Amino acid sequence: MEYYKVRNYRAISVKFLGATNHNGARIKIWEEDRDGKTVSRIFSYDYEYSDIGAQAYNLLVKAGFKVVCKSCLHDKDIIMCDNWGSDFKELKDLKD
């Protein structure tokens, strides 16, 4: 298959942020656009899920993101979404 015929998805990253003296455990969800600008949101870690990927997946789906696949790396998870054009969703609109 030619490279340019492969579907393009949005890569949304998720990382665990450990507790500090002032904050409990959290997760950071972010994506970088083509201009190198990063948009991110931070949420309290939900021990009900016990998994940053599952928590992020549920936040994204609840906000209308179309999740198509995932990847788990050493220090983060990546969730691929198919939201473009009039169906584009903003990370800033994610809600707990």
PDB file of N, CA and C in Angstrom:
ATOM      1  N   MET A   1       0.847  -1.185   0.000  1.00  0.00           N
ATOM      2  CA  MET A   1       0.000   0.000   0.000  1.00  0.00           C
ATOM      3  C   MET A   1       0.890   1.245   0.000  1.00  0.00           C
ATOM      4  N   GLU A   2       0.490   2.213  -0.748  1.00  0.00           N
ATOM      5  CA  GLU A   2       1.251   3.456  -0.782  1.00  0.00           C
ATOM      6  C   GLU A   2       1.040   4.246   0.502  1.00  0.00           C
ATOM      7  N   TYR A   3       2.081   4.895   0.955  1.00  0.00           N
ATOM      8  CA  TYR A   3       2.053   5.663   2.203  1.00  0.00           C
ATOM      9  C   TYR A   3       0.895   6.653   2.247  1.00  0.00           C
ATOM     10  N   TYR A   4       0.662   7.367   1.181  1.00  0.00           N
ATOM     11  CA  TYR A   4      -0.351   8.423   1.177  1.00  0.00           C
ATOM     12  C   TYR A   4      -1.784   7.899   1.149  1.00  0.00           C
ATOM     13  N   LYS A   5      -1.951   6.599   0.997  1.00  0.00           N
ATOM     14  CA  LYS A   5      -3.283   6.004   1.040  1.00  0.00           C
ATOM     15  C   LYS A   5      -3.639   5.472   2.430  1.00  0.00           C
ATOM     16  N   VAL A   6      -2.670   5.477   3.337  1.00  0.00           N
ATOM     17  CA  VAL A   6      -2.910   5.032   4.712  1.00  0.00           C
ATOM     18  C   VAL A   6      -3.691   6.115   5.443  1.00  0.00           C
ATOM     19  N   ARG A   7      -4.758   5.706   6.164  1.00  0.00           N
ATOM     20  CA  ARG A   7      -5.596   6.684   6.883  1.00  0.00           C
ATOM     21  C   ARG A   7      -4.789   7.427   7.940  1.00  0.00           C
ATOM     22  N   ASN A   8      -5.127   8.687   8.123  1.00  0.00           N
ATOM     23  CA  ASN A   8      -4.478   9.547   9.095  1.00  0.00           C
ATOM     24  C   ASN A   8      -5.391   9.702  10.307  1.00  0.00           C
ATOM     25  N   TYR A   9      -4.856   9.433  11.483  1.00  0.00           N
ATOM     26  CA  TYR A   9      -5.614   9.564  12.720  1.00  0.00           C
ATOM     27  C   TYR A   9      -4.941  10.558  13.648  1.00  0.00           C
ATOM     28  N   ARG A  10      -5.695  11.020  14.632  1.00  0.00           N
ATOM     29  CA  ARG A  10      -5.152  11.911  15.655  1.00  0.00           C
ATOM     30  C   ARG A  10      -4.527  11.075  16.757  1.00  0.00           C
ATOM     31  N   ALA A  11      -3.303  11.392  17.121  1.00  0.00           N
ATOM     32  CA  ALA A  11      -2.609  10.689  18.195  1.00  0.00           C
ATOM     33  C   ALA A  11      -2.766  11.490  19.487  1.00  0.00           C
ATOM     34  N   ILE A  12      -3.469  10.904  20.434  1.00  0.00           N
ATOM     35  CA  ILE A  12      -3.690  11.545  21.721  1.00  0.00           C
ATOM     36  C   ILE A  12      -2.919  10.747  22.763  1.00  0.00           C
ATOM     37  N   SER A  13      -2.023  11.410  23.469  1.00  0.00           N
ATOM     38  CA  SER A  13      -1.150  10.749  24.434  1.00  0.00           C
ATOM     39  C   SER A  13      -1.712  10.868  25.840  1.00  0.00           C
ATOM     40  N   VAL A  14      -1.396   9.860  26.668  1.00  0.00           N
ATOM     41  CA  VAL A  14      -1.856   9.817  28.054  1.00  0.00           C
ATOM     42  C   VAL A  14      -0.683   9.387  28.921  1.00  0.00           C
ATOM     43  N   LYS A  15      -0.464  10.113  30.016  1.00  0.00           N
ATOM     44  CA  LYS A  15       0.659   9.800  30.903  1.00  0.00           C
ATOM     45  C   LYS A  15       0.225   9.901  32.354  1.00  0.00           C
ATOM     46  N   PHE A  16       0.754   9.039  33.193  1.00  0.00           N
ATOM     47  CA  PHE A  16       0.486   9.082  34.626  1.00  0.00           C
ATOM     48  C   PHE A  16       1.384  10.120  35.282  1.00  0.00           C
ATOM     49  N   LEU A  17       0.809  10.934  36.149  1.00  0.00           N
ATOM     50  CA  LEU A  17       1.571  11.904  36.937  1.00  0.00           C
ATOM     51  C   LEU A  17       1.415  11.519  38.402  1.00  0.00           C
ATOM     52  N   GLY A  18       2.500  11.153  39.036  1.00  0.00           N
ATOM     53  CA  GLY A  18       2.452  10.705  40.427  1.00  0.00           C
ATOM     54  C   GLY A  18       2.047  11.817  41.387  1.00  0.00           C
ATOM     55  N   ALA A  19       1.657  11.400  42.572  1.00  0.00           N
ATOM     56  CA  ALA A  19       1.251  12.348  43.612  1.00  0.00           C
ATOM     57  C   ALA A  19       2.440  13.203  44.050  1.00  0.00           C
ATOM     58  N   THR A  20       2.133  14.424  44.454  1.00  0.00           N
ATOM     59  CA  THR A  20       3.142  15.344  44.980  1.00  0.00           C
ATOM     60  C   THR A  20       2.706  15.766  46.388  1.00  0.00           C
ATOM     61  N   ASN A  21       3.439  16.690  46.985  1.00  0.00           N
ATOM     62  CA  ASN A  21       3.050  17.207  48.305  1.00  0.00           C
ATOM     63  C   ASN A  21       1.743  17.984  48.240  1.00  0.00           C
ATOM     64  N   HIS A  22       1.372  18.464  47.060  1.00  0.00           N
ATOM     65  CA  HIS A  22       0.186  19.325  46.927  1.00  0.00           C
ATOM     66  C   HIS A  22      -0.932  18.720  46.088  1.00  0.00           C
ATOM     67  N   ASN A  23      -0.625  17.722  45.274  1.00  0.00           N
ATOM     68  CA  ASN A  23      -1.628  17.122  44.384  1.00  0.00           C
ATOM     69  C   ASN A  23      -1.606  15.608  44.495  1.00  0.00           C
ATOM     70  N   GLY A  24      -2.780  15.008  44.362  1.00  0.00           N
ATOM     71  CA  GLY A  24      -2.856  13.551  44.293  1.00  0.00           C
ATOM     72  C   GLY A  24      -2.416  13.076  42.924  1.00  0.00           C
ATOM     73  N   ALA A  25      -2.482  11.770  42.703  1.00  0.00           N
ATOM     74  CA  ALA A  25      -2.117  11.193  41.405  1.00  0.00           C
ATOM     75  C   ALA A  25      -3.053  11.733  40.332  1.00  0.00           C
ATOM     76  N   ARG A  26      -2.489  11.960  39.139  1.00  0.00           N
ATOM     77  CA  ARG A  26      -3.261  12.538  38.038  1.00  0.00           C
ATOM     78  C   ARG A  26      -2.878  11.870  36.735  1.00  0.00           C
ATOM     79  N   ILE A  27      -3.664  12.135  35.693  1.00  0.00           N
ATOM     80  CA  ILE A  27      -3.280  11.741  34.337  1.00  0.00           C
ATOM     81  C   ILE A  27      -3.269  13.004  33.477  1.00  0.00           C
ATOM     82  N   LYS A  28      -2.359  13.018  32.534  1.00  0.00           N
ATOM     83  CA  LYS A  28      -2.276  14.119  31.569  1.00  0.00           C
ATOM     84  C   LYS A  28      -2.647  13.557  30.204  1.00  0.00           C
ATOM     85  N   ILE A  29      -3.586  14.234  29.536  1.00  0.00           N
ATOM     86  CA  ILE A  29      -4.007  13.866  28.184  1.00  0.00           C
ATOM     87  C   ILE A  29      -3.606  15.021  27.275  1.00  0.00           C
ATOM     88  N   TRP A  30      -2.863  14.730  26.186  1.00  0.00           N
ATOM     89  CA  TRP A  30      -2.422  15.818  25.313  1.00  0.00           C
ATOM     90  C   TRP A  30      -2.268  15.363  23.870  1.00  0.00           C
ATOM     91  N   GLU A  31      -2.254  16.362  23.002  1.00  0.00           N
ATOM     92  CA  GLU A  31      -1.920  16.132  21.599  1.00  0.00           C
ATOM     93  C   GLU A  31      -1.168  17.345  21.088  1.00  0.00           C
ATOM     94  N   GLU A  32      -0.349  17.100  20.083  1.00  0.00           N
ATOM     95  CA  GLU A  32       0.425  18.165  19.455  1.00  0.00           C
ATOM     96  C   GLU A  32      -0.111  18.346  18.047  1.00  0.00           C
ATOM     97  N   ASP A  33      -0.349  19.617  17.643  1.00  0.00           N
ATOM     98  CA  ASP A  33      -0.865  19.852  16.295  1.00  0.00           C
ATOM     99  C   ASP A  33       0.297  19.997  15.306  1.00  0.00           C
ATOM    100  N   ARG A  34      -0.030  20.199  14.046  1.00  0.00           N
ATOM    101  CA  ARG A  34       0.996  20.276  13.000  1.00  0.00           C
ATOM    102  C   ARG A  34       1.943  21.459  13.165  1.00  0.00           C
ATOM    103  N   ASP A  35       1.503  22.477  13.917  1.00  0.00           N
ATOM    104  CA  ASP A  35       2.352  23.642  14.151  1.00  0.00           C
ATOM    105  C   ASP A  35       3.238  23.462  15.381  1.00  0.00           C
ATOM    106  N   GLY A  36       3.150  22.306  16.034  1.00  0.00           N
ATOM    107  CA  GLY A  36       3.952  22.050  17.222  1.00  0.00           C
ATOM    108  C   GLY A  36       3.322  22.550  18.506  1.00  0.00           C
ATOM    109  N   LYS A  37       2.096  23.062  18.433  1.00  0.00           N
ATOM    110  CA  LYS A  37       1.407  23.550  19.619  1.00  0.00           C
ATOM    111  C   LYS A  37       0.802  22.362  20.359  1.00  0.00           C
ATOM    112  N   THR A  38       1.014  22.313  21.667  1.00  0.00           N
ATOM    113  CA  THR A  38       0.484  21.232  22.484  1.00  0.00           C
ATOM    114  C   THR A  38      -0.736  21.714  23.246  1.00  0.00           C
ATOM    115  N   VAL A  39      -1.800  20.913  23.184  1.00  0.00           N
ATOM    116  CA  VAL A  39      -3.019  21.165  23.951  1.00  0.00           C
ATOM    117  C   VAL A  39      -3.130  20.026  24.946  1.00  0.00           C
ATOM    118  N   SER A  40      -3.326  20.346  26.223  1.00  0.00           N
ATOM    119  CA  SER A  40      -3.384  19.283  27.224  1.00  0.00           C
ATOM    120  C   SER A  40      -4.434  19.560  28.284  1.00  0.00           C
ATOM    121  N   ARG A  41      -4.832  18.486  28.952  1.00  0.00           N
ATOM    122  CA  ARG A  41      -5.751  18.540  30.094  1.00  0.00           C
ATOM    123  C   ARG A  41      -5.216  17.582  31.146  1.00  0.00           C
ATOM    124  N   ILE A  42      -5.405  17.950  32.395  1.00  0.00           N
ATOM    125  CA  ILE A  42      -4.984  17.092  33.505  1.00  0.00           C
ATOM    126  C   ILE A  42      -6.213  16.752  34.342  1.00  0.00           C
ATOM    127  N   PHE A  43      -6.334  15.462  34.688  1.00  0.00           N
ATOM    128  CA  PHE A  43      -7.463  14.970  35.474  1.00  0.00           C
ATOM    129  C   PHE A  43      -6.934  14.184  36.667  1.00  0.00           C
ATOM    130  N   SER A  44      -7.695  14.162  37.742  1.00  0.00           N
ATOM    131  CA  SER A  44      -7.352  13.308  38.879  1.00  0.00           C
ATOM    132  C   SER A  44      -7.363  11.856  38.417  1.00  0.00           C
ATOM    133  N   TYR A  45      -6.401  11.095  38.891  1.00  0.00           N
ATOM    134  CA  TYR A  45      -6.347   9.677  38.565  1.00  0.00           C
ATOM    135  C   TYR A  45      -7.533   8.989  39.228  1.00  0.00           C
ATOM    136  N   ASP A  46      -8.269   8.203  38.462  1.00  0.00           N
ATOM    137  CA  ASP A  46      -9.454   7.518  38.969  1.00  0.00           C
ATOM    138  C   ASP A  46      -9.081   6.076  39.283  1.00  0.00           C
ATOM    139  N   TYR A  47      -8.999   5.748  40.567  1.00  0.00           N
ATOM    140  CA  TYR A  47      -8.593   4.409  40.986  1.00  0.00           C
ATOM    141  C   TYR A  47      -9.629   3.346  40.615  1.00  0.00           C
ATOM    142  N   GLU A  48     -10.831   3.769  40.254  1.00  0.00           N
ATOM    143  CA  GLU A  48     -11.849   2.827  39.794  1.00  0.00           C
ATOM    144  C   GLU A  48     -11.382   2.116  38.520  1.00  0.00           C
ATOM    145  N   TYR A  49     -10.683   2.860  37.646  1.00  0.00           N
ATOM    146  CA  TYR A  49     -10.167   2.277  36.406  1.00  0.00           C
ATOM    147  C   TYR A  49      -8.855   1.539  36.634  1.00  0.00           C
ATOM    148  N   SER A  50      -8.004   2.082  37.490  1.00  0.00           N
ATOM    149  CA  SER A  50      -6.667   1.542  37.743  1.00  0.00           C
ATOM    150  C   SER A  50      -5.847   1.397  36.467  1.00  0.00           C
ATOM    151  N   ASP A  51      -6.148   2.233  35.473  1.00  0.00           N
ATOM    152  CA  ASP A  51      -5.454   2.166  34.186  1.00  0.00           C
ATOM    153  C   ASP A  51      -5.627   3.515  33.488  1.00  0.00           C
ATOM    154  N   ILE A  52      -4.511   4.166  33.178  1.00  0.00           N
ATOM    155  CA  ILE A  52      -4.607   5.497  32.567  1.00  0.00           C
ATOM    156  C   ILE A  52      -5.258   5.445  31.200  1.00  0.00           C
ATOM    157  N   GLY A  53      -4.977   4.392  30.436  1.00  0.00           N
ATOM    158  CA  GLY A  53      -5.563   4.255  29.101  1.00  0.00           C
ATOM    159  C   GLY A  53      -7.073   4.109  29.159  1.00  0.00           C
ATOM    160  N   ALA A  54      -7.560   3.272  30.071  1.00  0.00           N
ATOM    161  CA  ALA A  54      -9.004   3.068  30.208  1.00  0.00           C
ATOM    162  C   ALA A  54      -9.697   4.346  30.664  1.00  0.00           C
ATOM    163  N   GLN A  55      -9.080   5.068  31.581  1.00  0.00           N
ATOM    164  CA  GLN A  55      -9.671   6.322  32.043  1.00  0.00           C
ATOM    165  C   GLN A  55      -9.725   7.338  30.912  1.00  0.00           C
ATOM    166  N   ALA A  56      -8.636   7.489  30.175  1.00  0.00           N
ATOM    167  CA  ALA A  56      -8.604   8.434  29.058  1.00  0.00           C
ATOM    168  C   ALA A  56      -9.594   8.026  27.970  1.00  0.00           C
ATOM    169  N   TYR A  57      -9.643   6.739  27.663  1.00  0.00           N
ATOM    170  CA  TYR A  57     -10.593   6.232  26.666  1.00  0.00           C
ATOM    171  C   TYR A  57     -12.017   6.653  27.023  1.00  0.00           C
ATOM    172  N   ASN A  58     -12.410   6.445  28.262  1.00  0.00           N
ATOM    173  CA  ASN A  58     -13.765   6.794  28.678  1.00  0.00           C
ATOM    174  C   ASN A  58     -14.023   8.294  28.621  1.00  0.00           C
ATOM    175  N   LEU A  59     -13.042   9.107  28.990  1.00  0.00           N
ATOM    176  CA  LEU A  59     -13.195  10.562  28.881  1.00  0.00           C
ATOM    177  C   LEU A  59     -13.366  10.978  27.422  1.00  0.00           C
ATOM    178  N   LEU A  60     -12.579  10.407  26.536  1.00  0.00           N
ATOM    179  CA  LEU A  60     -12.643  10.757  25.115  1.00  0.00           C
ATOM    180  C   LEU A  60     -13.968  10.323  24.486  1.00  0.00           C
ATOM    181  N   VAL A  61     -14.370   9.093  24.737  1.00  0.00           N
ATOM    182  CA  VAL A  61     -15.623   8.586  24.163  1.00  0.00           C
ATOM    183  C   VAL A  61     -16.811   9.405  24.665  1.00  0.00           C
ATOM    184  N   LYS A  62     -16.801   9.738  25.955  1.00  0.00           N
ATOM    185  CA  LYS A  62     -17.879  10.553  26.534  1.00  0.00           C
ATOM    186  C   LYS A  62     -17.979  11.924  25.851  1.00  0.00           C
ATOM    187  N   ALA A  63     -16.844  12.436  25.376  1.00  0.00           N
ATOM    188  CA  ALA A  63     -16.812  13.743  24.712  1.00  0.00           C
ATOM    189  C   ALA A  63     -17.070  13.646  23.209  1.00  0.00           C
ATOM    190  N   GLY A  64     -17.304  12.432  22.693  1.00  0.00           N
ATOM    191  CA  GLY A  64     -17.623  12.282  21.278  1.00  0.00           C
ATOM    192  C   GLY A  64     -16.465  11.931  20.372  1.00  0.00           C
ATOM    193  N   PHE A  65     -15.300  11.616  20.936  1.00  0.00           N
ATOM    194  CA  PHE A  65     -14.159  11.204  20.118  1.00  0.00           C
ATOM    195  C   PHE A  65     -14.408   9.799  19.588  1.00  0.00           C
ATOM    196  N   LYS A  66     -14.002   9.547  18.347  1.00  0.00           N
ATOM    197  CA  LYS A  66     -14.134   8.224  17.726  1.00  0.00           C
ATOM    198  C   LYS A  66     -12.796   7.495  17.850  1.00  0.00           C
ATOM    199  N   VAL A  67     -12.669   6.697  18.883  1.00  0.00           N
ATOM    200  CA  VAL A  67     -11.435   5.956  19.133  1.00  0.00           C
ATOM    201  C   VAL A  67     -11.368   4.770  18.179  1.00  0.00           C
ATOM    202  N   VAL A  68     -10.223   4.622  17.484  1.00  0.00           N
ATOM    203  CA  VAL A  68     -10.080   3.529  16.526  1.00  0.00           C
ATOM    204  C   VAL A  68      -9.014   2.515  16.919  1.00  0.00           C
ATOM    205  N   CYS A  69      -8.026   2.923  17.715  1.00  0.00           N
ATOM    206  CA  CYS A  69      -7.007   1.982  18.166  1.00  0.00           C
ATOM    207  C   CYS A  69      -6.177   2.617  19.272  1.00  0.00           C
ATOM    208  N   LYS A  70      -5.290   1.822  19.857  1.00  0.00           N
ATOM    209  CA  LYS A  70      -4.432   2.299  20.934  1.00  0.00           C
ATOM    210  C   LYS A  70      -3.063   1.667  20.828  1.00  0.00           C
ATOM    211  N   SER A  71      -2.126   2.266  21.547  1.00  0.00           N
ATOM    212  CA  SER A  71      -0.789   1.714  21.637  1.00  0.00           C
ATOM    213  C   SER A  71      -0.265   2.022  23.036  1.00  0.00           C
ATOM    214  N   CYS A  72       0.423   1.085  23.628  1.00  0.00           N
ATOM    215  CA  CYS A  72       0.982   1.275  24.966  1.00  0.00           C
ATOM    216  C   CYS A  72       2.501   1.295  24.853  1.00  0.00           C
ATOM    217  N   LEU A  73       3.094   2.385  25.280  1.00  0.00           N
ATOM    218  CA  LEU A  73       4.542   2.529  25.273  1.00  0.00           C
ATOM    219  C   LEU A  73       5.054   2.476  26.710  1.00  0.00           C
ATOM    220  N   HIS A  74       6.340   2.600  26.873  1.00  0.00           N
ATOM    221  CA  HIS A  74       6.952   2.507  28.199  1.00  0.00           C
ATOM    222  C   HIS A  74       6.392   3.525  29.184  1.00  0.00           C
ATOM    223  N   ASP A  75       6.310   4.776  28.782  1.00  0.00           N
ATOM    224  CA  ASP A  75       5.930   5.826  29.724  1.00  0.00           C
ATOM    225  C   ASP A  75       4.609   6.512  29.402  1.00  0.00           C
ATOM    226  N   LYS A  76       3.890   6.033  28.381  1.00  0.00           N
ATOM    227  CA  LYS A  76       2.616   6.649  28.032  1.00  0.00           C
ATOM    228  C   LYS A  76       1.799   5.699  27.165  1.00  0.00           C
ATOM    229  N   ASP A  77       0.522   5.997  27.084  1.00  0.00           N
ATOM    230  CA  ASP A  77      -0.368   5.313  26.145  1.00  0.00           C
ATOM    231  C   ASP A  77      -0.709   6.300  25.042  1.00  0.00           C
ATOM    232  N   ILE A  78      -1.004   5.789  23.875  1.00  0.00           N
ATOM    233  CA  ILE A  78      -1.444   6.625  22.762  1.00  0.00           C
ATOM    234  C   ILE A  78      -2.777   6.085  22.277  1.00  0.00           C
ATOM    235  N   ILE A  79      -3.748   6.977  22.174  1.00  0.00           N
ATOM    236  CA  ILE A  79      -5.064   6.613  21.682  1.00  0.00           C
ATOM    237  C   ILE A  79      -5.271   7.330  20.362  1.00  0.00           C
ATOM    238  N   MET A  80      -5.578   6.561  19.328  1.00  0.00           N
ATOM    239  CA  MET A  80      -5.779   7.130  18.000  1.00  0.00           C
ATOM    240  C   MET A  80      -7.268   7.367  17.775  1.00  0.00           C
ATOM    241  N   CYS A  81      -7.599   8.574  17.308  1.00  0.00           N
ATOM    242  CA  CYS A  81      -9.000   8.954  17.085  1.00  0.00           C
ATOM    243  C   CYS A  81      -9.191   9.432  15.651  1.00  0.00           C
ATOM    244  N   ASP A  82     -10.416   9.271  15.167  1.00  0.00           N
ATOM    245  CA  ASP A  82     -10.769   9.658  13.801  1.00  0.00           C
ATOM    246  C   ASP A  82     -11.828  10.756  13.857  1.00  0.00           C
ATOM    247  N   ASN A  83     -11.410  11.957  14.221  1.00  0.00           N
ATOM    248  CA  ASN A  83     -12.310  13.113  14.294  1.00  0.00           C
ATOM    249  C   ASN A  83     -11.698  14.263  13.506  1.00  0.00           C
ATOM    250  N   TRP A  84     -12.225  14.503  12.323  1.00  0.00           N
ATOM    251  CA  TRP A  84     -11.714  15.556  11.453  1.00  0.00           C
ATOM    252  C   TRP A  84     -12.874  16.385  10.912  1.00  0.00           C
ATOM    253  N   GLY A  85     -12.568  17.487  10.276  1.00  0.00           N
ATOM    254  CA  GLY A  85     -13.576  18.328   9.627  1.00  0.00           C
ATOM    255  C   GLY A  85     -14.655  18.774  10.590  1.00  0.00           C
ATOM    256  N   SER A  86     -15.902  18.641  10.184  1.00  0.00           N
ATOM    257  CA  SER A  86     -17.024  19.103  11.008  1.00  0.00           C
ATOM    258  C   SER A  86     -17.187  18.249  12.265  1.00  0.00           C
ATOM    259  N   ASP A  87     -16.541  17.088  12.314  1.00  0.00           N
ATOM    260  CA  ASP A  87     -16.624  16.199  13.466  1.00  0.00           C
ATOM    261  C   ASP A  87     -15.437  16.387  14.421  1.00  0.00           C
ATOM    262  N   PHE A  88     -14.643  17.442  14.222  1.00  0.00           N
ATOM    263  CA  PHE A  88     -13.448  17.675  15.037  1.00  0.00           C
ATOM    264  C   PHE A  88     -13.843  17.977  16.476  1.00  0.00           C
ATOM    265  N   LYS A  89     -13.246  17.286  17.407  1.00  0.00           N
ATOM    266  CA  LYS A  89     -13.482  17.503  18.835  1.00  0.00           C
ATOM    267  C   LYS A  89     -12.237  18.126  19.443  1.00  0.00           C
ATOM    268  N   GLU A  90     -12.432  18.952  20.456  1.00  0.00           N
ATOM    269  CA  GLU A  90     -11.325  19.649  21.113  1.00  0.00           C
ATOM    270  C   GLU A  90     -11.014  18.991  22.458  1.00  0.00           C
ATOM    271  N   LEU A  91      -9.734  18.804  22.753  1.00  0.00           N
ATOM    272  CA  LEU A  91      -9.350  18.268  24.053  1.00  0.00           C
ATOM    273  C   LEU A  91      -9.774  19.202  25.179  1.00  0.00           C
ATOM    274  N   LYS A  92      -9.788  20.496  24.916  1.00  0.00           N
ATOM    275  CA  LYS A  92     -10.156  21.448  25.963  1.00  0.00           C
ATOM    276  C   LYS A  92     -11.596  21.238  26.430  1.00  0.00           C
ATOM    277  N   ASP A  93     -12.410  20.517  25.643  1.00  0.00           N
ATOM    278  CA  ASP A  93     -13.810  20.282  26.001  1.00  0.00           C
ATOM    279  C   ASP A  93     -14.024  19.019  26.821  1.00  0.00           C
ATOM    280  N   LEU A  94     -12.949  18.274  27.117  1.00  0.00           N
ATOM    281  CA  LEU A  94     -13.094  17.080  27.934  1.00  0.00           C
ATOM    282  C   LEU A  94     -13.551  17.460  29.333  1.00  0.00           C
ATOM    283  N   LYS A  95     -14.446  16.660  29.876  1.00  0.00           N
ATOM    284  CA  LYS A  95     -14.965  16.909  31.228  1.00  0.00           C
ATOM    285  C   LYS A  95     -14.860  15.651  32.053  1.00  0.00           C
ATOM    286  N   ASP A  96     -14.601  15.833  33.328  1.00  0.00           N
ATOM    287  CA  ASP A  96     -14.535  14.706  34.284  1.00  0.00           C
ATOM    288  C   ASP A  96     -15.867  14.013  34.410  1.00  0.00           C
TER     289      ASP A  96
END
